[in-house]
Amino acid sequence: GAVYVARHVELGHRVAIKFLHAEAAVNEDVARRFAMEARLTANL
């Protein structure tokens, strides 16, 4: 996948956003691990 720098359209602050490539996202195991990464890290 790829990582992007982005800005909040209203508040203007920067964030980083990570996306899977489309061909990787169709892999169920990869998509599952990606979703788990978000859940695990968000709760830490």
PDB file of all heavy atoms in Angstrom:
ATOM      1  N   GLY A   1       0.809  -1.206   0.000  1.00  0.00           N
ATOM      2  CA  GLY A   1       0.000   0.000   0.000  1.00  0.00           C
ATOM      3  C   GLY A   1       0.840   1.252   0.000  1.00  0.00           C
ATOM      4  O   GLY A   1       2.034   1.220  -0.305  1.00  0.00           O
ATOM      5  N   ALA A   2       0.212   2.358   0.340  1.00  0.00           N
ATOM      6  CA  ALA A   2       0.883   3.653   0.321  1.00  0.00           C
ATOM      7  C   ALA A   2       0.427   4.491   1.504  1.00  0.00           C
ATOM      8  O   ALA A   2      -0.664   4.290   2.046  1.00  0.00           O
ATOM      9  CB  ALA A   2       0.602   4.393  -0.987  1.00  0.00           C
ATOM     10  N   VAL A   3       1.276   5.439   1.869  1.00  0.00           N
ATOM     11  CA  VAL A   3       0.993   6.356   2.967  1.00  0.00           C
ATOM     12  C   VAL A   3       0.973   7.770   2.414  1.00  0.00           C
ATOM     13  O   VAL A   3       1.819   8.135   1.587  1.00  0.00           O
ATOM     14  CB  VAL A   3       2.070   6.241   4.067  1.00  0.00           C
ATOM     15  CG1 VAL A   3       1.764   7.200   5.209  1.00  0.00           C
ATOM     16  CG2 VAL A   3       2.167   4.816   4.574  1.00  0.00           C
ATOM     17  N   TYR A   4       0.009   8.555   2.863  1.00  0.00           N
ATOM     18  CA  TYR A   4      -0.175   9.913   2.374  1.00  0.00           C
ATOM     19  C   TYR A   4      -0.150  10.905   3.532  1.00  0.00           C
ATOM     20  O   TYR A   4      -0.599  10.584   4.632  1.00  0.00           O
ATOM     21  CB  TYR A   4      -1.531  10.053   1.665  1.00  0.00           C
ATOM     22  CG  TYR A   4      -1.749   9.086   0.527  1.00  0.00           C
ATOM     23  CD1 TYR A   4      -2.129   7.775   0.787  1.00  0.00           C
ATOM     24  CD2 TYR A   4      -1.570   9.481  -0.797  1.00  0.00           C
ATOM     25  CE1 TYR A   4      -2.325   6.874  -0.247  1.00  0.00           C
ATOM     26  CE2 TYR A   4      -1.766   8.592  -1.835  1.00  0.00           C
ATOM     27  CZ  TYR A   4      -2.145   7.282  -1.556  1.00  0.00           C
ATOM     28  OH  TYR A   4      -2.336   6.387  -2.582  1.00  0.00           O
ATOM     29  N   VAL A   5       0.344  12.095   3.248  1.00  0.00           N
ATOM     30  CA  VAL A   5       0.135  13.190   4.178  1.00  0.00           C
ATOM     31  C   VAL A   5      -1.153  13.876   3.754  1.00  0.00           C
ATOM     32  O   VAL A   5      -1.406  14.066   2.560  1.00  0.00           O
ATOM     33  CB  VAL A   5       1.319  14.180   4.203  1.00  0.00           C
ATOM     34  CG1 VAL A   5       1.618  14.745   2.824  1.00  0.00           C
ATOM     35  CG2 VAL A   5       1.053  15.313   5.184  1.00  0.00           C
ATOM     36  N   ALA A   6      -1.981  14.208   4.731  1.00  0.00           N
ATOM     37  CA  ALA A   6      -3.280  14.813   4.441  1.00  0.00           C
ATOM     38  C   ALA A   6      -3.546  15.931   5.440  1.00  0.00           C
ATOM     39  O   ALA A   6      -2.901  16.022   6.488  1.00  0.00           O
ATOM     40  CB  ALA A   6      -4.384  13.755   4.518  1.00  0.00           C
ATOM     41  N   ARG A   7      -4.485  16.776   5.102  1.00  0.00           N
ATOM     42  CA  ARG A   7      -4.907  17.853   6.003  1.00  0.00           C
ATOM     43  C   ARG A   7      -6.406  17.779   6.240  1.00  0.00           C
ATOM     44  O   ARG A   7      -7.175  17.471   5.341  1.00  0.00           O
ATOM     45  CB  ARG A   7      -4.565  19.228   5.411  1.00  0.00           C
ATOM     46  CG  ARG A   7      -3.103  19.590   5.484  1.00  0.00           C
ATOM     47  CD  ARG A   7      -2.880  21.050   5.091  1.00  0.00           C
ATOM     48  NE  ARG A   7      -1.469  21.387   5.042  1.00  0.00           N
ATOM     49  CZ  ARG A   7      -0.759  21.782   6.085  1.00  0.00           C
ATOM     50  NH1 ARG A   7      -1.351  21.891   7.261  1.00  0.00           N
ATOM     51  NH2 ARG A   7       0.524  22.059   5.978  1.00  0.00           N
ATOM     52  N   HIS A   8      -6.788  18.074   7.467  1.00  0.00           N
ATOM     53  CA  HIS A   8      -8.206  18.198   7.799  1.00  0.00           C
ATOM     54  C   HIS A   8      -8.745  19.420   7.065  1.00  0.00           C
ATOM     55  O   HIS A   8      -8.184  20.507   7.160  1.00  0.00           O
ATOM     56  CB  HIS A   8      -8.372  18.374   9.309  1.00  0.00           C
ATOM     57  CG  HIS A   8      -9.763  18.203   9.797  1.00  0.00           C
ATOM     58  ND1 HIS A   8     -10.773  19.112   9.527  1.00  0.00           N
ATOM     59  CD2 HIS A   8     -10.323  17.224  10.563  1.00  0.00           C
ATOM     60  CE1 HIS A   8     -11.887  18.707  10.100  1.00  0.00           C
ATOM     61  NE2 HIS A   8     -11.656  17.562  10.724  1.00  0.00           N
ATOM     62  N   VAL A   9      -9.818  19.237   6.296  1.00  0.00           N
ATOM     63  CA  VAL A   9     -10.284  20.314   5.418  1.00  0.00           C
ATOM     64  C   VAL A   9     -10.819  21.513   6.194  1.00  0.00           C
ATOM     65  O   VAL A   9     -10.832  22.644   5.676  1.00  0.00           O
ATOM     66  CB  VAL A   9     -11.357  19.797   4.433  1.00  0.00           C
ATOM     67  CG1 VAL A   9     -10.758  18.795   3.462  1.00  0.00           C
ATOM     68  CG2 VAL A   9     -12.546  19.190   5.180  1.00  0.00           C
ATOM     69  N   GLU A  10     -11.271  21.320   7.412  1.00  0.00           N
ATOM     70  CA  GLU A  10     -11.799  22.415   8.203  1.00  0.00           C
ATOM     71  C   GLU A  10     -10.773  22.963   9.196  1.00  0.00           C
ATOM     72  O   GLU A  10     -10.597  24.168   9.338  1.00  0.00           O
ATOM     73  CB  GLU A  10     -13.056  21.967   8.974  1.00  0.00           C
ATOM     74  CG  GLU A  10     -14.225  21.592   8.079  1.00  0.00           C
ATOM     75  CD  GLU A  10     -14.804  22.794   7.348  1.00  0.00           C
ATOM     76  OE1 GLU A  10     -14.602  23.939   7.809  1.00  0.00           O
ATOM     77  OE2 GLU A  10     -15.453  22.579   6.299  1.00  0.00           O
ATOM     78  N   LEU A  11     -10.075  22.074   9.883  1.00  0.00           N
ATOM     79  CA  LEU A  11      -9.171  22.486  10.957  1.00  0.00           C
ATOM     80  C   LEU A  11      -7.744  22.739  10.484  1.00  0.00           C
ATOM     81  O   LEU A  11      -6.996  23.461  11.141  1.00  0.00           O
ATOM     82  CB  LEU A  11      -9.174  21.437  12.068  1.00  0.00           C
ATOM     83  CG  LEU A  11     -10.551  21.124  12.672  1.00  0.00           C
ATOM     84  CD1 LEU A  11     -10.429  20.053  13.733  1.00  0.00           C
ATOM     85  CD2 LEU A  11     -11.178  22.391  13.251  1.00  0.00           C
ATOM     86  N   GLY A  12      -7.372  22.136   9.379  1.00  0.00           N
ATOM     87  CA  GLY A  12      -6.082  22.428   8.771  1.00  0.00           C
ATOM     88  C   GLY A  12      -4.894  21.650   9.295  1.00  0.00           C
ATOM     89  O   GLY A  12      -3.794  21.803   8.780  1.00  0.00           O
ATOM     90  N   HIS A  13      -5.072  20.803  10.303  1.00  0.00           N
ATOM     91  CA  HIS A  13      -3.924  20.088  10.835  1.00  0.00           C
ATOM     92  C   HIS A  13      -3.584  18.890   9.959  1.00  0.00           C
ATOM     93  O   HIS A  13      -4.431  18.322   9.271  1.00  0.00           O
ATOM     94  CB  HIS A  13      -4.174  19.637  12.278  1.00  0.00           C
ATOM     95  CG  HIS A  13      -5.304  18.674  12.421  1.00  0.00           C
ATOM     96  ND1 HIS A  13      -6.618  19.064  12.623  1.00  0.00           N
ATOM     97  CD2 HIS A  13      -5.328  17.314  12.404  1.00  0.00           C
ATOM     98  CE1 HIS A  13      -7.389  18.011  12.715  1.00  0.00           C
ATOM     99  NE2 HIS A  13      -6.624  16.928  12.575  1.00  0.00           N
ATOM    100  N   ARG A  14      -2.317  18.497  10.015  1.00  0.00           N
ATOM    101  CA  ARG A  14      -1.834  17.383   9.222  1.00  0.00           C
ATOM    102  C   ARG A  14      -2.034  16.048   9.923  1.00  0.00           C
ATOM    103  O   ARG A  14      -1.955  15.958  11.150  1.00  0.00           O
ATOM    104  CB  ARG A  14      -0.341  17.548   8.922  1.00  0.00           C
ATOM    105  CG  ARG A  14      -0.021  18.447   7.757  1.00  0.00           C
ATOM    106  CD  ARG A  14       1.481  18.474   7.524  1.00  0.00           C
ATOM    107  NE  ARG A  14       1.806  19.073   6.245  1.00  0.00           N
ATOM    108  CZ  ARG A  14       3.029  19.214   5.769  1.00  0.00           C
ATOM    109  NH1 ARG A  14       4.059  18.798   6.499  1.00  0.00           N
ATOM    110  NH2 ARG A  14       3.242  19.773   4.600  1.00  0.00           N
ATOM    111  N   VAL A  15      -2.265  15.029   9.112  1.00  0.00           N
ATOM    112  CA  VAL A  15      -2.304  13.652   9.582  1.00  0.00           C
ATOM    113  C   VAL A  15      -1.601  12.792   8.540  1.00  0.00           C
ATOM    114  O   VAL A  15      -1.286  13.255   7.441  1.00  0.00           O
ATOM    115  CB  VAL A  15      -3.756  13.141   9.778  1.00  0.00           C
ATOM    116  CG1 VAL A  15      -4.477  13.939  10.850  1.00  0.00           C
ATOM    117  CG2 VAL A  15      -4.520  13.180   8.455  1.00  0.00           C
ATOM    118  N   ALA A  16      -1.354  11.563   8.883  1.00  0.00           N
ATOM    119  CA  ALA A  16      -0.864  10.577   7.922  1.00  0.00           C
ATOM    120  C   ALA A  16      -1.956   9.532   7.733  1.00  0.00           C
ATOM    121  O   ALA A  16      -2.588   9.110   8.711  1.00  0.00           O
ATOM    122  CB  ALA A  16       0.417   9.917   8.429  1.00  0.00           C
ATOM    123  N   ILE A  17      -2.201   9.135   6.488  1.00  0.00           N
ATOM    124  CA  ILE A  17      -3.243   8.143   6.208  1.00  0.00           C
ATOM    125  C   ILE A  17      -2.629   7.004   5.400  1.00  0.00           C
ATOM    126  O   ILE A  17      -1.986   7.221   4.374  1.00  0.00           O
ATOM    127  CB  ILE A  17      -4.428   8.746   5.437  1.00  0.00           C
ATOM    128  CG1 ILE A  17      -5.008   9.943   6.206  1.00  0.00           C
ATOM    129  CG2 ILE A  17      -5.503   7.679   5.219  1.00  0.00           C
ATOM    130  CD1 ILE A  17      -6.221  10.570   5.547  1.00  0.00           C
ATOM    131  N   LYS A  18      -2.835   5.789   5.880  1.00  0.00           N
ATOM    132  CA  LYS A  18      -2.311   4.593   5.232  1.00  0.00           C
ATOM    133  C   LYS A  18      -3.436   3.832   4.539  1.00  0.00           C
ATOM    134  O   LYS A  18      -4.444   3.505   5.150  1.00  0.00           O
ATOM    135  CB  LYS A  18      -1.622   3.715   6.275  1.00  0.00           C
ATOM    136  CG  LYS A  18      -1.098   2.391   5.736  1.00  0.00           C
ATOM    137  CD  LYS A  18      -0.052   1.769   6.644  1.00  0.00           C
ATOM    138  CE  LYS A  18      -0.569   1.381   7.993  1.00  0.00           C
ATOM    139  NZ  LYS A  18       0.440   0.640   8.793  1.00  0.00           N
ATOM    140  N   PHE A  19      -3.252   3.566   3.244  1.00  0.00           N
ATOM    141  CA  PHE A  19      -4.207   2.788   2.459  1.00  0.00           C
ATOM    142  C   PHE A  19      -3.533   1.541   1.914  1.00  0.00           C
ATOM    143  O   PHE A  19      -2.358   1.574   1.528  1.00  0.00           O
ATOM    144  CB  PHE A  19      -4.723   3.594   1.259  1.00  0.00           C
ATOM    145  CG  PHE A  19      -5.793   4.588   1.578  1.00  0.00           C
ATOM    146  CD1 PHE A  19      -5.472   5.920   1.753  1.00  0.00           C
ATOM    147  CD2 PHE A  19      -7.122   4.204   1.682  1.00  0.00           C
ATOM    148  CE1 PHE A  19      -6.453   6.858   2.029  1.00  0.00           C
ATOM    149  CE2 PHE A  19      -8.110   5.132   1.966  1.00  0.00           C
ATOM    150  CZ  PHE A  19      -7.780   6.471   2.140  1.00  0.00           C
ATOM    151  N   LEU A  20      -4.273   0.457   1.839  1.00  0.00           N
ATOM    152  CA  LEU A  20      -3.835  -0.700   1.079  1.00  0.00           C
ATOM    153  C   LEU A  20      -4.002  -0.423  -0.407  1.00  0.00           C
ATOM    154  O   LEU A  20      -4.926   0.278  -0.813  1.00  0.00           O
ATOM    155  CB  LEU A  20      -4.659  -1.939   1.438  1.00  0.00           C
ATOM    156  CG  LEU A  20      -4.463  -2.571   2.813  1.00  0.00           C
ATOM    157  CD1 LEU A  20      -5.471  -3.688   3.001  1.00  0.00           C
ATOM    158  CD2 LEU A  20      -3.050  -3.090   2.985  1.00  0.00           C
ATOM    159  N   HIS A  21      -3.108  -0.995  -1.242  1.00  0.00           N
ATOM    160  CA  HIS A  21      -3.358  -0.991  -2.675  1.00  0.00           C
ATOM    161  C   HIS A  21      -4.587  -1.857  -2.942  1.00  0.00           C
ATOM    162  O   HIS A  21      -4.867  -2.816  -2.214  1.00  0.00           O
ATOM    163  CB  HIS A  21      -2.166  -1.552  -3.440  1.00  0.00           C
ATOM    164  CG  HIS A  21      -0.975  -0.647  -3.438  1.00  0.00           C
ATOM    165  ND1 HIS A  21      -1.077   0.725  -3.588  1.00  0.00           N
ATOM    166  CD2 HIS A  21       0.354  -0.916  -3.321  1.00  0.00           C
ATOM    167  CE1 HIS A  21       0.137   1.256  -3.559  1.00  0.00           C
ATOM    168  NE2 HIS A  21       1.013   0.288  -3.395  1.00  0.00           N
ATOM    169  N   ALA A  22      -5.311  -1.547  -4.011  1.00  0.00           N
ATOM    170  CA  ALA A  22      -6.542  -2.269  -4.325  1.00  0.00           C
ATOM    171  C   ALA A  22      -6.294  -3.765  -4.478  1.00  0.00           C
ATOM    172  O   ALA A  22      -7.082  -4.591  -4.003  1.00  0.00           O
ATOM    173  CB  ALA A  22      -7.166  -1.695  -5.594  1.00  0.00           C
ATOM    174  N   GLU A  23      -5.187  -4.126  -5.114  1.00  0.00           N
ATOM    175  CA  GLU A  23      -4.924  -5.547  -5.331  1.00  0.00           C
ATOM    176  C   GLU A  23      -4.570  -6.263  -4.037  1.00  0.00           C
ATOM    177  O   GLU A  23      -4.771  -7.470  -3.926  1.00  0.00           O
ATOM    178  CB  GLU A  23      -3.815  -5.727  -6.363  1.00  0.00           C
ATOM    179  CG  GLU A  23      -2.487  -5.098  -5.991  1.00  0.00           C
ATOM    180  CD  GLU A  23      -1.477  -5.195  -7.119  1.00  0.00           C
ATOM    181  OE1 GLU A  23      -1.875  -5.102  -8.288  1.00  0.00           O
ATOM    182  OE2 GLU A  23      -0.289  -5.378  -6.815  1.00  0.00           O
ATOM    183  N   ALA A  24      -4.059  -5.532  -3.062  1.00  0.00           N
ATOM    184  CA  ALA A  24      -3.784  -6.136  -1.765  1.00  0.00           C
ATOM    185  C   ALA A  24      -5.047  -6.218  -0.923  1.00  0.00           C
ATOM    186  O   ALA A  24      -5.225  -7.154  -0.140  1.00  0.00           O
ATOM    187  CB  ALA A  24      -2.710  -5.342  -1.025  1.00  0.00           C
ATOM    188  N   ALA A  25      -5.933  -5.237  -1.081  1.00  0.00           N
ATOM    189  CA  ALA A  25      -7.142  -5.168  -0.263  1.00  0.00           C
ATOM    190  C   ALA A  25      -8.091  -6.332  -0.529  1.00  0.00           C
ATOM    191  O   ALA A  25      -8.914  -6.664   0.329  1.00  0.00           O
ATOM    192  CB  ALA A  25      -7.859  -3.838  -0.501  1.00  0.00           C
ATOM    193  N   VAL A  26      -7.996  -6.946  -1.712  1.00  0.00           N
ATOM    194  CA  VAL A  26      -8.892  -8.072  -2.027  1.00  0.00           C
ATOM    195  C   VAL A  26      -8.430  -9.361  -1.364  1.00  0.00           C
ATOM    196  O   VAL A  26      -9.169 -10.345  -1.346  1.00  0.00           O
ATOM    197  CB  VAL A  26      -9.014  -8.283  -3.555  1.00  0.00           C
ATOM    198  CG1 VAL A  26      -9.615  -7.055  -4.213  1.00  0.00           C
ATOM    199  CG2 VAL A  26      -7.665  -8.613  -4.175  1.00  0.00           C
ATOM    200  N   ASN A  27      -7.206  -9.356  -0.836  1.00  0.00           N
ATOM    201  CA  ASN A  27      -6.713 -10.506  -0.096  1.00  0.00           C
ATOM    202  C   ASN A  27      -7.322 -10.475   1.300  1.00  0.00           C
ATOM    203  O   ASN A  27      -7.075  -9.547   2.074  1.00  0.00           O
ATOM    204  CB  ASN A  27      -5.180 -10.460  -0.024  1.00  0.00           C
ATOM    205  CG  ASN A  27      -4.577 -11.658   0.690  1.00  0.00           C
ATOM    206  OD1 ASN A  27      -4.930 -11.973   1.821  1.00  0.00           O
ATOM    207  ND2 ASN A  27      -3.650 -12.324   0.023  1.00  0.00           N
ATOM    208  N   GLU A  28      -8.121 -11.455   1.632  1.00  0.00           N
ATOM    209  CA  GLU A  28      -8.865 -11.435   2.893  1.00  0.00           C
ATOM    210  C   GLU A  28      -7.950 -11.384   4.107  1.00  0.00           C
ATOM    211  O   GLU A  28      -8.246 -10.692   5.084  1.00  0.00           O
ATOM    212  CB  GLU A  28      -9.792 -12.654   2.977  1.00  0.00           C
ATOM    213  CG  GLU A  28     -10.950 -12.618   1.983  1.00  0.00           C
ATOM    214  CD  GLU A  28     -11.899 -13.772   2.191  1.00  0.00           C
ATOM    215  OE1 GLU A  28     -11.684 -14.573   3.138  1.00  0.00           O
ATOM    216  OE2 GLU A  28     -12.868 -13.893   1.422  1.00  0.00           O
ATOM    217  N   ASP A  29      -6.844 -12.110   4.064  1.00  0.00           N
ATOM    218  CA  ASP A  29      -5.931 -12.122   5.206  1.00  0.00           C
ATOM    219  C   ASP A  29      -5.266 -10.760   5.390  1.00  0.00           C
ATOM    220  O   ASP A  29      -5.151 -10.261   6.513  1.00  0.00           O
ATOM    221  CB  ASP A  29      -4.865 -13.200   5.015  1.00  0.00           C
ATOM    222  CG  ASP A  29      -3.931 -13.300   6.216  1.00  0.00           C
ATOM    223  OD1 ASP A  29      -4.424 -13.562   7.331  1.00  0.00           O
ATOM    224  OD2 ASP A  29      -2.712 -13.099   6.035  1.00  0.00           O
ATOM    225  N   VAL A  30      -4.846 -10.151   4.285  1.00  0.00           N
ATOM    226  CA  VAL A  30      -4.224  -8.832   4.348  1.00  0.00           C
ATOM    227  C   VAL A  30      -5.218  -7.804   4.865  1.00  0.00           C
ATOM    228  O   VAL A  30      -4.900  -6.993   5.744  1.00  0.00           O
ATOM    229  CB  VAL A  30      -3.686  -8.404   2.965  1.00  0.00           C
ATOM    230  CG1 VAL A  30      -3.233  -6.947   2.988  1.00  0.00           C
ATOM    231  CG2 VAL A  30      -2.537  -9.306   2.542  1.00  0.00           C
ATOM    232  N   ALA A  31      -6.446  -7.831   4.334  1.00  0.00           N
ATOM    233  CA  ALA A  31      -7.465  -6.884   4.767  1.00  0.00           C
ATOM    234  C   ALA A  31      -7.809  -7.074   6.242  1.00  0.00           C
ATOM    235  O   ALA A  31      -8.021  -6.104   6.978  1.00  0.00           O
ATOM    236  CB  ALA A  31      -8.719  -7.047   3.907  1.00  0.00           C
ATOM    237  N   ARG A  32      -7.834  -8.326   6.687  1.00  0.00           N
ATOM    238  CA  ARG A  32      -8.139  -8.605   8.091  1.00  0.00           C
ATOM    239  C   ARG A  32      -7.055  -8.057   9.002  1.00  0.00           C
ATOM    240  O   ARG A  32      -7.338  -7.432  10.034  1.00  0.00           O
ATOM    241  CB  ARG A  32      -8.283 -10.118   8.301  1.00  0.00           C
ATOM    242  CG  ARG A  32      -8.550 -10.514   9.741  1.00  0.00           C
ATOM    243  CD  ARG A  32      -8.525 -12.031   9.912  1.00  0.00           C
ATOM    244  NE  ARG A  32      -7.248 -12.602   9.521  1.00  0.00           N
ATOM    245  CZ  ARG A  32      -6.151 -12.575  10.281  1.00  0.00           C
ATOM    246  NH1 ARG A  32      -6.200 -12.021  11.486  1.00  0.00           N
ATOM    247  NH2 ARG A  32      -5.033 -13.105   9.847  1.00  0.00           N
ATOM    248  N   ARG A  33      -5.784  -8.254   8.629  1.00  0.00           N
ATOM    249  CA  ARG A  33      -4.683  -7.758   9.446  1.00  0.00           C
ATOM    250  C   ARG A  33      -4.647  -6.233   9.455  1.00  0.00           C
ATOM    251  O   ARG A  33      -4.300  -5.618  10.462  1.00  0.00           O
ATOM    252  CB  ARG A  33      -3.351  -8.328   8.934  1.00  0.00           C
ATOM    253  CG  ARG A  33      -3.169  -9.793   9.277  1.00  0.00           C
ATOM    254  CD  ARG A  33      -1.769 -10.287   8.984  1.00  0.00           C
ATOM    255  NE  ARG A  33      -1.524 -10.441   7.556  1.00  0.00           N
ATOM    256  CZ  ARG A  33      -0.692  -9.692   6.860  1.00  0.00           C
ATOM    257  NH1 ARG A  33      -0.028  -8.706   7.453  1.00  0.00           N
ATOM    258  NH2 ARG A  33      -0.503  -9.907   5.577  1.00  0.00           N
ATOM    259  N   PHE A  34      -5.016  -5.630   8.329  1.00  0.00           N
ATOM    260  CA  PHE A  34      -5.045  -4.169   8.246  1.00  0.00           C
ATOM    261  C   PHE A  34      -6.104  -3.610   9.188  1.00  0.00           C
ATOM    262  O   PHE A  34      -5.866  -2.653   9.929  1.00  0.00           O
ATOM    263  CB  PHE A  34      -5.343  -3.761   6.799  1.00  0.00           C
ATOM    264  CG  PHE A  34      -5.175  -2.294   6.523  1.00  0.00           C
ATOM    265  CD1 PHE A  34      -3.921  -1.696   6.552  1.00  0.00           C
ATOM    266  CD2 PHE A  34      -6.271  -1.507   6.195  1.00  0.00           C
ATOM    267  CE1 PHE A  34      -3.762  -0.347   6.278  1.00  0.00           C
ATOM    268  CE2 PHE A  34      -6.118  -0.162   5.917  1.00  0.00           C
ATOM    269  CZ  PHE A  34      -4.861   0.418   5.954  1.00  0.00           C
ATOM    270  N   ALA A  35      -7.291  -4.235   9.180  1.00  0.00           N
ATOM    271  CA  ALA A  35      -8.358  -3.793  10.071  1.00  0.00           C
ATOM    272  C   ALA A  35      -7.978  -4.020  11.532  1.00  0.00           C
ATOM    273  O   ALA A  35      -8.264  -3.186  12.394  1.00  0.00           O
ATOM    274  CB  ALA A  35      -9.656  -4.533   9.735  1.00  0.00           C
ATOM    275  N   MET A  36      -7.304  -5.140  11.802  1.00  0.00           N
ATOM    276  CA  MET A  36      -6.873  -5.415  13.172  1.00  0.00           C
ATOM    277  C   MET A  36      -5.851  -4.392  13.634  1.00  0.00           C
ATOM    278  O   MET A  36      -5.884  -3.947  14.787  1.00  0.00           O
ATOM    279  CB  MET A  36      -6.290  -6.821  13.285  1.00  0.00           C
ATOM    280  CG  MET A  36      -5.778  -7.154  14.678  1.00  0.00           C
ATOM    281  SD  MET A  36      -5.220  -8.861  14.868  1.00  0.00           S
ATOM    282  CE  MET A  36      -6.799  -9.708  14.864  1.00  0.00           C
ATOM    283  N   GLU A  37      -4.932  -3.997  12.749  1.00  0.00           N
ATOM    284  CA  GLU A  37      -3.951  -2.972  13.102  1.00  0.00           C
ATOM    285  C   GLU A  37      -4.645  -1.700  13.575  1.00  0.00           C
ATOM    286  O   GLU A  37      -4.257  -1.091  14.579  1.00  0.00           O
ATOM    287  CB  GLU A  37      -3.047  -2.651  11.913  1.00  0.00           C
ATOM    288  CG  GLU A  37      -2.056  -1.531  12.202  1.00  0.00           C
ATOM    289  CD  GLU A  37      -1.278  -1.090  10.975  1.00  0.00           C
ATOM    290  OE1 GLU A  37      -1.481  -1.662   9.889  1.00  0.00           O
ATOM    291  OE2 GLU A  37      -0.475  -0.148  11.119  1.00  0.00           O
ATOM    292  N   ALA A  38      -5.674  -1.278  12.831  1.00  0.00           N
ATOM    293  CA  ALA A  38      -6.401  -0.067  13.201  1.00  0.00           C
ATOM    294  C   ALA A  38      -7.053  -0.216  14.564  1.00  0.00           C
ATOM    295  O   ALA A  38      -6.944   0.670  15.424  1.00  0.00           O
ATOM    296  CB  ALA A  38      -7.455   0.253  12.133  1.00  0.00           C
ATOM    297  N   ARG A  39      -7.721  -1.343  14.794  1.00  0.00           N
ATOM    298  CA  ARG A  39      -8.424  -1.539  16.061  1.00  0.00           C
ATOM    299  C   ARG A  39      -7.451  -1.616  17.233  1.00  0.00           C
ATOM    300  O   ARG A  39      -7.670  -0.995  18.278  1.00  0.00           O
ATOM    301  CB  ARG A  39      -9.281  -2.807  15.994  1.00  0.00           C
ATOM    302  CG  ARG A  39     -10.485  -2.712  15.100  1.00  0.00           C
ATOM    303  CD  ARG A  39     -11.452  -3.843  15.367  1.00  0.00           C
ATOM    304  NE  ARG A  39     -10.842  -5.140  15.144  1.00  0.00           N
ATOM    305  CZ  ARG A  39     -10.826  -5.770  13.983  1.00  0.00           C
ATOM    306  NH1 ARG A  39     -11.392  -5.200  12.917  1.00  0.00           N
ATOM    307  NH2 ARG A  39     -10.268  -6.954  13.850  1.00  0.00           N
ATOM    308  N   LEU A  40      -6.397  -2.408  17.064  1.00  0.00           N
ATOM    309  CA  LEU A  40      -5.449  -2.584  18.161  1.00  0.00           C
ATOM    310  C   LEU A  40      -4.785  -1.267  18.539  1.00  0.00           C
ATOM    311  O   LEU A  40      -4.713  -0.911  19.716  1.00  0.00           O
ATOM    312  CB  LEU A  40      -4.384  -3.609  17.777  1.00  0.00           C
ATOM    313  CG  LEU A  40      -4.825  -5.060  17.602  1.00  0.00           C
ATOM    314  CD1 LEU A  40      -3.621  -5.933  17.256  1.00  0.00           C
ATOM    315  CD2 LEU A  40      -5.519  -5.578  18.845  1.00  0.00           C
ATOM    316  N   THR A  41      -4.274  -0.562  17.533  1.00  0.00           N
ATOM    317  CA  THR A  41      -3.535   0.665  17.822  1.00  0.00           C
ATOM    318  C   THR A  41      -4.453   1.749  18.356  1.00  0.00           C
ATOM    319  O   THR A  41      -4.070   2.526  19.236  1.00  0.00           O
ATOM    320  CB  THR A  41      -2.795   1.159  16.567  1.00  0.00           C
ATOM    321  OG1 THR A  41      -2.103   0.072  15.956  1.00  0.00           O
ATOM    322  CG2 THR A  41      -1.783   2.244  16.924  1.00  0.00           C
ATOM    323  N   ALA A  42      -5.679   1.827  17.853  1.00  0.00           N
ATOM    324  CA  ALA A  42      -6.619   2.855  18.318  1.00  0.00           C
ATOM    325  C   ALA A  42      -6.936   2.701  19.793  1.00  0.00           C
ATOM    326  O   ALA A  42      -7.247   3.686  20.469  1.00  0.00           O
ATOM    327  CB  ALA A  42      -7.903   2.801  17.496  1.00  0.00           C
ATOM    328  N   ASN A  43      -6.846   1.481  20.296  1.00  0.00           N
ATOM    329  CA  ASN A  43      -7.178   1.238  21.690  1.00  0.00           C
ATOM    330  C   ASN A  43      -5.964   1.250  22.610  1.00  0.00           C
ATOM    331  O   ASN A  43      -6.094   0.974  23.803  1.00  0.00           O
ATOM    332  CB  ASN A  43      -7.922  -0.103  21.815  1.00  0.00           C
ATOM    333  CG  ASN A  43      -9.361  -0.004  21.362  1.00  0.00           C
ATOM    334  OD1 ASN A  43     -10.231   0.434  22.096  1.00  0.00           O
ATOM    335  ND2 ASN A  43      -9.605  -0.374  20.110  1.00  0.00           N
ATOM    336  N   LEU A  44      -4.802   1.547  22.066  1.00  0.00           N
ATOM    337  CA  LEU A  44      -3.599   1.686  22.882  1.00  0.00           C
ATOM    338  C   LEU A  44      -3.371   3.167  23.139  1.00  0.00           C
ATOM    339  O   LEU A  44      -3.068   3.924  22.219  1.00  0.00           O
ATOM    340  CB  LEU A  44      -2.393   1.063  22.166  1.00  0.00           C
ATOM    341  CG  LEU A  44      -2.453  -0.444  21.941  1.00  0.00           C
ATOM    342  CD1 LEU A  44      -1.220  -0.904  21.167  1.00  0.00           C
ATOM    343  CD2 LEU A  44      -2.561  -1.203  23.274  1.00  0.00           C
TER     344      LEU A  44
END
